[in-house]
Amino acid sequence: MIAAPPRCAASLVIALGVVGATALVRAAEEPVAEITIGDIRLGNRIAGPAVDQKALVHRVVVLEFWGVNCPPCIKSMPALEQLHRQFSAAGLAVIGAHAQQASPEEIASVVEELGVTFPIVETATVDGGMGFSGIPHCMVFDHTGTCVFRGHPNRAHDVIVSAVRSSPAAILEGRELARLAPLAAQLRDEGAFGTVLRRVRSLVESPDPQTASEATFVVAKLEGHAARLLADAEAAKADDPLRALHYAQRCAAAFRGTAAGRQATELLSAWKKDRGFQDGLEAARQCRRLELARARIMQSLGEPEAITPELAGRVPEPLRRQLAATAEKVAQLSPNSVSAERAAAIAAEFGLGVVP
């Protein structure tokens, strides 16, 4: 963890003086070519999709160190989310590396409140790249894995956009297209995957060997991407119905007019009629509200390591009743689910007497 104060930028200016602080910022924003994505240690996942080292290869990577108790960090997150939504299919991988003292539940609650959907991890490090004293701190790596920016995130936007636009589409995994080069730009946009897939299918049998080879490669990558979205949706259905819904909706939108798109649409239609899934979905939503309420209570109590009976007694009775009612609703909607277990744990923590 980084032991800097939450409002690190301001504290550095006070401690070092304006001139010294400016020099530090400029030095931090110099690219450090010897640092690569291979130096990133991702730590533990807190929220968002799972991500591993292999998933960063051939992608533009933004690793931002931040904290839930750092106002400038919180302010930076919506812009990161916008970049993630705009460029993830084009090869951008955004990772938020939490770097303050906070429980996973507190971090996840803040992430949910902010509407962040990219991966959030804790205890992440970068070998040879931890020589900074404050957060937020942003590192940008281009598609070759080279660090091209280090510094405050509000100065990283143009670097990120330029890196994405100069990199090949992530789904091509570094392969450059010759005969099908005009399609490369479309492959940066996940929303165009279905259109491209329908077009290149007819080229698989092309008499030109290179065209056929490239078409076969693109079809395999697109179909593989669709299959992963569908598999992730099915895998998340029981324990994380909100994420399952997200994956299925992505597949339906990206592959409209294809077999995969129809399969995703049929899956969504079946889930809509599935009372158990809908109850689990609502339970997950209610549980997230409960976790957010817990995070706010913990903040109001001074971020204690644990809730003692004395601290629980300081929670206003109307709020206690609201927490209990929400926990009971989660248990009723989806008993024996991950959401019910988490809701019961929060209820027990505050001595609410809710029966799971």
Protein backbone atom coordinates (compact mmCIF):
# COMPACT_ATOMS: atom_id res chain seq x y z
CA MET A 1 0.00 0.00 0.00
CA ILE A 2 1.10 3.60 -0.62
CA ALA A 3 1.38 5.44 2.67
CA ALA A 4 0.75 8.89 1.21
CA PRO A 5 -1.99 11.13 2.64
CA PRO A 6 -5.24 11.08 0.64
CA ARG A 7 -4.81 14.62 -0.61
CA CYS A 8 -1.27 13.90 -1.65
CA ALA A 9 -0.91 16.52 -4.40
CA ALA A 10 -1.82 19.33 -2.02
CA SER A 11 0.42 18.00 0.75
CA LEU A 12 3.38 17.81 -1.61
CA VAL A 13 2.95 21.45 -2.60
CA ILE A 14 2.86 22.48 1.06
CA ALA A 15 5.87 20.37 2.02
CA LEU A 16 8.13 21.08 -0.92
CA GLY A 17 7.05 24.47 -2.14
CA VAL A 18 5.56 25.33 -5.52
CA VAL A 19 8.84 25.09 -7.42
CA GLY A 20 9.82 21.75 -5.93
CA ALA A 21 6.38 20.27 -6.42
CA THR A 22 6.30 21.38 -10.05
CA ALA A 23 9.65 19.73 -10.68
CA LEU A 24 8.39 16.53 -9.11
CA VAL A 25 5.30 16.50 -11.32
CA ARG A 26 7.33 17.08 -14.47
CA ALA A 27 9.76 14.32 -13.56
CA ALA A 28 6.90 11.92 -12.90
CA GLU A 29 5.34 12.65 -16.27
CA GLU A 30 8.43 11.64 -18.20
CA PRO A 31 7.91 8.23 -19.90
CA VAL A 32 9.98 5.46 -18.33
CA ALA A 33 10.82 3.14 -21.20
CA GLU A 34 12.47 0.54 -19.00
CA ILE A 35 9.14 -0.14 -17.30
CA THR A 36 6.87 -2.51 -19.21
CA ILE A 37 3.58 -4.29 -18.63
CA GLY A 38 5.63 -7.30 -17.59
CA ASP A 39 6.56 -5.36 -14.45
CA ILE A 40 2.93 -5.01 -13.35
CA ARG A 41 1.82 -7.14 -10.41
CA LEU A 42 -1.96 -6.97 -10.34
CA GLY A 43 -2.59 -7.92 -6.71
CA ASN A 44 -6.07 -8.99 -5.63
CA ARG A 45 -9.29 -8.37 -7.54
CA ILE A 46 -11.88 -6.29 -5.69
CA ALA A 47 -14.47 -5.46 -8.34
CA GLY A 48 -15.08 -5.60 -12.07
CA PRO A 49 -14.00 -8.29 -14.52
CA ALA A 50 -11.13 -10.60 -13.63
CA VAL A 51 -7.90 -9.65 -15.39
CA ASP A 52 -4.53 -11.34 -15.63
CA GLN A 53 -1.13 -10.56 -17.10
CA LYS A 54 -1.81 -12.35 -20.38
CA ALA A 55 -4.89 -10.20 -20.99
CA LEU A 56 -2.69 -7.08 -21.11
CA VAL A 57 -0.54 -8.23 -24.05
CA HIS A 58 -1.06 -6.23 -27.27
CA ARG A 59 -3.31 -3.77 -25.41
CA VAL A 60 -2.94 -0.17 -24.34
CA VAL A 61 -2.96 -0.34 -20.55
CA VAL A 62 -3.92 2.40 -18.10
CA LEU A 63 -3.00 1.58 -14.50
CA GLU A 64 -4.21 4.23 -12.10
CA PHE A 65 -3.35 4.21 -8.41
CA TRP A 66 -6.19 5.73 -6.41
CA GLY A 67 -8.00 5.60 -3.07
CA VAL A 68 -11.54 5.87 -1.73
CA ASN A 69 -10.47 8.61 0.70
CA CYS A 70 -8.73 10.72 -1.94
CA PRO A 71 -11.08 13.37 -3.44
CA PRO A 72 -8.91 14.00 -6.55
CA CYS A 73 -8.91 10.23 -7.14
CA ILE A 74 -12.69 10.04 -6.91
CA LYS A 75 -12.96 12.97 -9.29
CA SER A 76 -10.75 11.17 -11.82
CA MET A 77 -12.76 7.94 -11.94
CA PRO A 78 -15.67 9.03 -14.21
CA ALA A 79 -13.21 10.12 -16.91
CA LEU A 80 -11.49 6.74 -16.67
CA GLU A 81 -14.84 4.99 -16.97
CA GLN A 82 -15.65 7.03 -20.07
CA LEU A 83 -12.35 6.02 -21.68
CA HIS A 84 -12.98 2.39 -20.73
CA ARG A 85 -16.43 2.39 -22.33
CA GLN A 86 -15.23 4.23 -25.42
CA PHE A 87 -12.04 2.30 -26.16
CA SER A 88 -12.09 -1.10 -24.42
CA ALA A 89 -13.02 -2.91 -27.62
CA ALA A 90 -10.30 -0.97 -29.44
CA GLY A 91 -7.62 -2.38 -27.16
CA LEU A 92 -7.68 -0.26 -24.02
CA ALA A 93 -7.38 -2.02 -20.66
CA VAL A 94 -8.12 0.23 -17.68
CA ILE A 95 -7.22 -0.98 -14.19
CA GLY A 96 -7.84 0.91 -10.96
CA ALA A 97 -5.24 -0.01 -8.32
CA HIS A 98 -6.55 0.91 -4.89
CA ALA A 99 -3.73 2.18 -2.70
CA GLN A 100 -5.18 3.22 0.65
CA GLN A 101 -6.39 1.48 3.79
CA ALA A 102 -9.96 0.30 3.23
CA SER A 103 -11.85 -2.97 3.32
CA PRO A 104 -12.73 -4.72 0.06
CA GLU A 105 -16.40 -4.10 0.83
CA GLU A 106 -15.83 -0.37 1.23
CA ILE A 107 -13.86 -0.19 -2.01
CA ALA A 108 -16.49 -2.19 -3.90
CA SER A 109 -19.28 0.04 -2.56
CA VAL A 110 -17.56 3.23 -3.71
CA VAL A 111 -16.87 1.65 -7.09
CA GLU A 112 -20.54 0.73 -7.41
CA GLU A 113 -21.63 4.25 -6.44
CA LEU A 114 -19.30 5.72 -9.07
CA GLY A 115 -20.66 3.39 -11.76
CA VAL A 116 -17.20 2.02 -12.53
CA THR A 117 -17.14 -1.20 -14.58
CA PHE A 118 -13.42 -1.70 -15.26
CA PRO A 119 -11.29 -3.97 -13.02
CA ILE A 120 -10.42 -2.73 -9.53
CA VAL A 121 -7.56 -4.39 -7.65
CA GLU A 122 -5.64 -3.83 -4.43
CA THR A 123 -1.97 -4.38 -3.48
CA ALA A 124 -0.94 -3.86 -7.12
CA THR A 125 2.67 -2.84 -7.75
CA VAL A 126 4.95 -2.08 -10.69
CA ASP A 127 8.51 -3.35 -10.39
CA GLY A 128 10.81 -0.36 -10.75
CA GLY A 129 7.85 2.00 -11.06
CA MET A 130 6.78 2.72 -7.50
CA GLY A 131 8.89 5.83 -7.10
CA PHE A 132 5.97 8.20 -6.65
CA SER A 133 4.69 9.67 -3.42
CA GLY A 134 1.08 10.56 -4.08
CA ILE A 135 -2.18 9.54 -5.65
CA PRO A 136 -3.87 9.70 -8.05
CA HIS A 137 -0.98 8.47 -10.14
CA CYS A 138 -1.49 7.19 -13.67
CA MET A 139 0.73 4.94 -15.78
CA VAL A 140 0.05 4.43 -19.49
CA PHE A 141 1.59 1.57 -21.49
CA ASP A 142 1.25 1.41 -25.29
CA HIS A 143 0.39 -1.77 -27.22
CA THR A 144 4.06 -2.78 -27.30
CA GLY A 145 4.07 -2.87 -23.50
CA THR A 146 6.23 0.24 -23.08
CA CYS A 147 5.45 2.86 -20.45
CA VAL A 148 4.69 6.10 -22.34
CA PHE A 149 3.32 8.25 -19.49
CA ARG A 150 3.56 8.61 -15.73
CA GLY A 151 1.85 11.38 -13.80
CA HIS A 152 -1.44 12.94 -12.86
CA PRO A 153 -4.40 11.41 -14.73
CA ASN A 154 -5.82 14.77 -15.82
CA ARG A 155 -2.82 15.09 -18.16
CA ALA A 156 -3.02 11.56 -19.54
CA HIS A 157 -6.13 11.76 -21.74
CA ASP A 158 -4.47 12.75 -25.02
CA VAL A 159 -1.66 10.23 -24.49
CA ILE A 160 -4.19 7.43 -23.95
CA VAL A 161 -6.29 8.34 -26.99
CA SER A 162 -3.20 8.63 -29.19
CA ALA A 163 -1.88 5.26 -28.00
CA VAL A 164 -5.21 3.56 -28.71
CA ARG A 165 -5.59 5.07 -32.17
CA SER A 166 -2.06 4.08 -33.16
CA SER A 167 -2.43 0.48 -31.99
CA PRO A 168 -3.96 -2.46 -33.88
CA ALA A 169 -7.40 -3.66 -32.74
CA ALA A 170 -6.96 -5.76 -29.61
CA ILE A 171 -8.98 -8.64 -31.00
CA LEU A 172 -6.35 -9.11 -33.71
CA GLU A 173 -3.76 -9.86 -31.01
CA GLY A 174 -1.00 -8.01 -32.80
CA ARG A 175 -1.61 -9.41 -36.29
CA GLU A 176 -1.70 -6.83 -39.08
CA LEU A 177 -4.18 -7.30 -41.89
CA ALA A 178 -3.12 -6.69 -45.47
CA ARG A 179 -5.98 -7.78 -47.73
CA LEU A 180 -8.56 -6.95 -45.05
CA ALA A 181 -6.84 -3.79 -43.80
CA PRO A 182 -9.97 -1.61 -44.27
CA LEU A 183 -11.72 -3.75 -41.64
CA ALA A 184 -9.09 -3.07 -38.98
CA ALA A 185 -10.66 0.25 -37.99
CA GLN A 186 -14.09 -1.36 -37.59
CA LEU A 187 -12.59 -4.01 -35.34
CA ARG A 188 -11.77 -1.30 -32.81
CA ASP A 189 -15.49 -0.97 -32.13
CA GLU A 190 -17.16 -3.94 -30.42
CA GLY A 191 -20.50 -2.68 -31.69
CA ALA A 192 -19.36 -3.43 -35.26
CA PHE A 193 -18.24 -7.00 -34.60
CA GLY A 194 -21.44 -8.56 -35.93
CA THR A 195 -21.28 -6.54 -39.14
CA VAL A 196 -17.65 -7.50 -39.72
CA LEU A 197 -18.31 -11.15 -38.93
CA ARG A 198 -21.11 -11.37 -41.49
CA ARG A 199 -18.90 -9.77 -44.10
CA VAL A 200 -15.74 -11.83 -43.61
CA ARG A 201 -17.53 -15.18 -43.49
CA SER A 202 -17.98 -15.00 -47.25
CA LEU A 203 -14.27 -14.38 -47.71
CA VAL A 204 -13.12 -17.55 -45.96
CA GLU A 205 -13.45 -19.41 -49.28
CA SER A 206 -11.69 -16.69 -51.27
CA PRO A 207 -9.45 -17.98 -54.08
CA ASP A 208 -6.75 -15.61 -52.82
CA PRO A 209 -4.84 -17.52 -50.11
CA GLN A 210 -3.95 -14.44 -48.08
CA THR A 211 -7.50 -13.12 -48.10
CA ALA A 212 -8.82 -16.52 -47.06
CA SER A 213 -6.22 -16.80 -44.32
CA GLU A 214 -6.98 -13.36 -42.91
CA ALA A 215 -10.74 -13.97 -43.11
CA THR A 216 -10.41 -17.31 -41.33
CA PHE A 217 -8.34 -15.65 -38.59
CA VAL A 218 -10.82 -12.79 -38.09
CA VAL A 219 -13.82 -15.14 -38.02
CA ALA A 220 -12.10 -17.31 -35.39
CA LYS A 221 -11.27 -14.30 -33.21
CA LEU A 222 -14.76 -12.82 -33.44
CA GLU A 223 -16.51 -16.12 -32.80
CA GLY A 224 -14.15 -16.76 -29.90
CA HIS A 225 -14.97 -13.37 -28.42
CA ALA A 226 -18.70 -14.03 -28.69
CA ALA A 227 -18.28 -17.48 -27.14
CA ARG A 228 -16.36 -15.99 -24.19
CA LEU A 229 -19.08 -13.40 -23.56
CA LEU A 230 -21.74 -16.10 -23.56
CA ALA A 231 -19.65 -18.41 -21.36
CA ASP A 232 -18.95 -15.58 -18.91
CA ALA A 233 -22.67 -14.78 -18.79
CA GLU A 234 -23.58 -18.37 -18.00
CA ALA A 235 -20.76 -18.73 -15.47
CA ALA A 236 -21.79 -15.59 -13.58
CA LYS A 237 -25.53 -16.35 -13.57
CA ALA A 238 -25.71 -18.00 -10.15
CA ASP A 239 -23.25 -15.92 -8.12
CA ASP A 240 -23.30 -12.56 -9.92
CA PRO A 241 -26.50 -12.09 -11.96
CA LEU A 242 -25.75 -8.41 -12.57
CA ARG A 243 -22.50 -9.29 -14.29
CA ALA A 244 -24.18 -12.14 -16.17
CA LEU A 245 -26.73 -9.68 -17.52
CA HIS A 246 -23.94 -7.30 -18.56
CA TYR A 247 -22.12 -9.98 -20.58
CA ALA A 248 -25.28 -11.23 -22.28
CA GLN A 249 -26.35 -7.71 -23.22
CA ARG A 250 -22.90 -6.97 -24.64
CA CYS A 251 -22.99 -10.09 -26.80
CA ALA A 252 -26.51 -9.37 -28.05
CA ALA A 253 -25.54 -5.81 -29.02
CA ALA A 254 -22.10 -6.57 -30.50
CA PHE A 255 -23.17 -9.58 -32.56
CA ARG A 256 -26.62 -8.50 -33.70
CA GLY A 257 -27.63 -10.41 -36.81
CA THR A 258 -25.35 -13.39 -36.13
CA ALA A 259 -25.90 -16.77 -34.49
CA ALA A 260 -24.12 -15.60 -31.34
CA GLY A 261 -26.23 -12.47 -31.19
CA ARG A 262 -29.41 -14.50 -31.52
CA GLN A 263 -28.20 -16.88 -28.84
CA ALA A 264 -27.55 -13.98 -26.47
CA THR A 265 -30.95 -12.48 -27.23
CA GLU A 266 -32.64 -15.81 -26.56
CA LEU A 267 -30.71 -16.10 -23.31
CA LEU A 268 -31.85 -12.65 -22.21
CA SER A 269 -35.43 -13.51 -23.12
CA ALA A 270 -35.26 -16.75 -21.13
CA TRP A 271 -33.78 -14.94 -18.12
CA LYS A 272 -36.53 -12.34 -18.28
CA LYS A 273 -39.08 -15.14 -17.85
CA ASP A 274 -36.99 -16.93 -15.22
CA ARG A 275 -38.42 -15.95 -11.84
CA GLY A 276 -35.42 -17.34 -10.01
CA PHE A 277 -32.98 -15.29 -12.08
CA GLN A 278 -35.05 -12.12 -11.75
CA ASP A 279 -35.26 -12.59 -7.98
CA GLY A 280 -31.50 -13.14 -7.86
CA LEU A 281 -30.98 -10.02 -9.95
CA GLU A 282 -33.07 -7.91 -7.62
CA ALA A 283 -31.38 -9.47 -4.60
CA ALA A 284 -27.98 -8.51 -6.03
CA ARG A 285 -29.17 -4.93 -6.57
CA GLN A 286 -30.52 -4.72 -3.03
CA CYS A 287 -27.29 -6.20 -1.65
CA ARG A 288 -25.24 -3.57 -3.42
CA ARG A 289 -27.41 -0.87 -1.88
CA LEU A 290 -26.83 -2.49 1.50
CA GLU A 291 -23.06 -2.53 0.95
CA LEU A 292 -23.11 1.12 -0.06
CA ALA A 293 -25.07 2.01 3.08
CA ARG A 294 -22.53 0.05 5.14
CA ALA A 295 -19.64 1.93 3.57
CA ARG A 296 -21.26 5.27 4.40
CA ILE A 297 -21.88 4.19 7.99
CA MET A 298 -18.28 3.02 8.37
CA GLN A 299 -17.09 6.38 7.07
CA SER A 300 -19.32 8.24 9.53
CA LEU A 301 -17.93 6.12 12.37
CA GLY A 302 -14.34 6.97 11.48
CA GLU A 303 -13.48 3.85 9.44
CA PRO A 304 -13.13 1.41 12.37
CA GLU A 305 -11.47 -1.94 11.75
CA ALA A 306 -14.52 -3.73 13.17
CA ILE A 307 -18.02 -2.88 14.38
CA THR A 308 -18.27 -3.27 18.12
CA PRO A 309 -21.63 -3.39 19.93
CA GLU A 310 -20.96 0.16 21.13
CA LEU A 311 -20.39 1.40 17.55
CA ALA A 312 -23.42 -0.51 16.27
CA GLY A 313 -25.50 1.21 18.91
CA ARG A 314 -24.51 4.60 17.47
CA VAL A 315 -26.29 3.85 14.20
CA PRO A 316 -29.65 5.71 14.23
CA GLU A 317 -32.61 3.41 14.77
CA PRO A 318 -34.40 4.39 11.51
CA LEU A 319 -31.26 3.46 9.58
CA ARG A 320 -30.96 0.18 11.48
CA ARG A 321 -34.53 -0.68 10.54
CA GLN A 322 -33.81 0.18 6.92
CA LEU A 323 -30.70 -2.03 6.90
CA ALA A 324 -32.61 -4.90 8.49
CA ALA A 325 -35.48 -4.61 6.02
CA THR A 326 -33.09 -4.64 3.07
CA ALA A 327 -31.18 -7.64 4.40
CA GLU A 328 -34.44 -9.52 4.98
CA LYS A 329 -35.59 -8.71 1.44
CA VAL A 330 -32.36 -10.07 -0.02
CA ALA A 331 -32.77 -13.28 2.00
CA GLN A 332 -36.37 -13.66 0.85
CA LEU A 333 -35.61 -12.98 -2.79
CA SER A 334 -32.64 -15.29 -3.15
CA PRO A 335 -31.94 -17.54 -0.15
CA ASN A 336 -28.63 -19.44 -0.13
CA SER A 337 -27.18 -17.03 -2.71
CA VAL A 338 -23.94 -15.07 -2.49
CA SER A 339 -26.05 -11.90 -2.09
CA ALA A 340 -27.97 -13.45 0.82
CA GLU A 341 -24.76 -14.53 2.53
CA ARG A 342 -23.29 -11.06 2.22
CA ALA A 343 -26.50 -9.38 3.42
CA ALA A 344 -26.65 -11.71 6.43
CA ALA A 345 -23.04 -10.91 7.28
CA ILE A 346 -23.74 -7.16 7.25
CA ALA A 347 -26.87 -7.67 9.36
CA ALA A 348 -24.90 -9.70 11.90
CA GLU A 349 -22.13 -7.10 11.94
CA PHE A 350 -24.60 -4.47 13.12
CA GLY A 351 -26.52 -6.83 15.40
CA LEU A 352 -29.73 -6.53 13.42
CA GLY A 353 -31.04 -9.98 14.26
CA VAL A 354 -31.95 -10.86 10.71
CA VAL A 355 -32.46 -14.57 10.11
CA PRO A 356 -30.77 -15.62 6.80
